[in-house]
C-alpha atoms as a PDB file:
ATOM      1  CA  UNK A   1     -50.263  34.777  44.518  1.00  0.00           C
ATOM      2  CA  UNK A   2     -47.698  33.004  46.701  1.00  0.00           C
ATOM      3  CA  UNK A   3     -45.432  36.038  46.656  1.00  0.00           C
ATOM      4  CA  UNK A   4     -48.272  38.249  47.846  1.00  0.00           C
ATOM      5  CA  UNK A   5     -49.041  35.912  50.752  1.00  0.00           C
ATOM      6  CA  UNK A   6     -45.393  35.825  51.745  1.00  0.00           C
ATOM      7  CA  UNK A   7     -45.128  39.612  51.636  1.00  0.00           C
ATOM      8  CA  UNK A   8     -48.328  39.961  53.694  1.00  0.00           C
ATOM      9  CA  UNK A   9     -47.012  37.508  56.312  1.00  0.00           C
ATOM     10  CA  UNK A  10     -43.727  39.403  56.552  1.00  0.00           C
ATOM     11  CA  UNK A  11     -45.626  42.669  56.846  1.00  0.00           C
ATOM     12  CA  UNK A  12     -47.856  41.223  59.591  1.00  0.00           C
ATOM     13  CA  UNK A  13     -44.869  39.959  61.597  1.00  0.00           C
ATOM     14  CA  UNK A  14     -43.137  43.316  61.214  1.00  0.00           C
ATOM     15  CA  UNK A  15     -46.237  45.155  62.434  1.00  0.00           C
ATOM     16  CA  UNK A  16     -46.542  42.830  65.453  1.00  0.00           C
ATOM     17  CA  UNK A  17     -42.914  43.439  66.394  1.00  0.00           C
ATOM     18  CA  UNK A  18     -43.388  47.185  66.027  1.00  0.00           C
ATOM     19  CA  UNK A  19     -46.487  47.083  68.228  1.00  0.00           C
ATOM     20  CA  UNK A  20     -44.602  45.112  70.891  1.00  0.00           C
ATOM     21  CA  UNK A  21     -41.734  47.613  70.825  1.00  0.00           C
ATOM     22  CA  UNK A  22     -44.175  50.521  71.132  1.00  0.00           C
ATOM     23  CA  UNK A  23     -45.890  48.860  74.096  1.00  0.00           C
ATOM     24  CA  UNK A  24     -42.574  48.295  75.874  1.00  0.00           C
ATOM     25  CA  UNK A  25     -41.469  51.877  75.269  1.00  0.00           C
ATOM     26  CA  UNK A  26     -44.812  53.254  76.418  1.00  0.00           C
ATOM     27  CA  UNK A  27     -44.976  51.250  79.634  1.00  0.00           C
ATOM     28  CA  UNK A  28     -41.239  51.125  80.417  1.00  0.00           C
ATOM     29  CA  UNK A  29     -41.562  52.923  83.770  1.00  0.00           C
ATOM     30  CA  UNK A  30     -44.373  50.621  84.902  1.00  0.00           C
ATOM     31  CA  UNK A  31     -42.401  47.565  83.802  1.00  0.00           C
ATOM     32  CA  UNK A  32     -39.397  48.733  85.835  1.00  0.00           C
ATOM     33  CA  UNK A  33     -41.580  49.491  88.863  1.00  0.00           C
ATOM     34  CA  UNK A  34     -43.012  45.980  88.694  1.00  0.00           C
ATOM     35  CA  UNK A  35     -39.525  44.473  88.348  1.00  0.00           C
ATOM     36  CA  UNK A  36     -38.196  46.395  91.363  1.00  0.00           C
ATOM     37  CA  UNK A  37     -41.259  45.538  93.452  1.00  0.00           C
ATOM     38  CA  UNK A  38     -40.775  41.838  92.719  1.00  0.00           C
ATOM     39  CA  UNK A  39     -37.051  42.102  93.465  1.00  0.00           C
ATOM     40  CA  UNK A  40     -37.779  43.816  96.803  1.00  0.00           C
ATOM     41  CA  UNK A  41     -40.277  41.124  97.791  1.00  0.00           C
ATOM     42  CA  UNK A  42     -37.831  38.353  96.896  1.00  0.00           C
ATOM     43  CA  UNK A  43     -35.074  40.069  98.879  1.00  0.00           C
ATOM     44  CA  UNK A  44     -37.420  40.537 101.836  1.00  0.00           C
ATOM     45  CA  UNK A  45     -38.394  36.863 101.800  1.00  0.00           C
ATOM     46  CA  UNK A  46     -34.756  35.798 101.617  1.00  0.00           C
ATOM     47  CA  UNK A  47     -33.917  38.002 104.590  1.00  0.00           C
ATOM     48  CA  UNK A  48     -36.805  36.597 106.620  1.00  0.00           C
ATOM     49  CA  UNK A  49     -36.064  33.032 105.583  1.00  0.00           C
ATOM     50  CA  UNK A  50     -32.510  32.865 106.927  1.00  0.00           C
ATOM     51  CA  UNK A  51     -33.141  34.604 110.253  1.00  0.00           C
ATOM     52  CA  UNK A  52     -34.727  32.223 112.703  1.00  0.00           C
ATOM     53  CA  UNK A  53     -35.177  34.057 115.992  1.00  0.00           C
ATOM     54  CA  UNK A  54     -36.120  30.927 117.940  1.00  0.00           C
ATOM     55  CA  UNK A  55     -32.624  29.547 117.392  1.00  0.00           C
ATOM     56  CA  UNK A  56     -31.025  32.483 119.222  1.00  0.00           C
ATOM     57  CA  UNK A  57     -33.545  33.011 122.037  1.00  0.00           C
ATOM     58  CA  UNK A  58     -31.220  31.342 124.555  1.00  0.00           C
ATOM     59  CA  UNK A  59     -28.610  34.044 124.039  1.00  0.00           C
ATOM     60  CA  UNK A  60     -30.891  37.089 124.390  1.00  0.00           C
ATOM     61  CA  UNK A  61     -29.730  37.800 127.945  1.00  0.00           C
ATOM     62  CA  UNK A  62     -26.041  37.175 127.229  1.00  0.00           C
ATOM     63  CA  UNK A  63     -23.812  40.272 127.270  1.00  0.00           C
ATOM     64  CA  UNK A  64     -20.365  40.365 125.743  1.00  0.00           C
END
């Protein structure tokens, strides 16, 4: 009886892993699109965070 339970638990874990792998393979393009969208938003926020236009307003009329 204990052997049967152990085998069933191993089978259940194996099936769950297989289902997860199938889901990742099926939605791989959507997962990548989401990853790149998040990366673009983070990059955009970093670019906007470091540029403070009010700091350089005094030099707008200065020509080199």
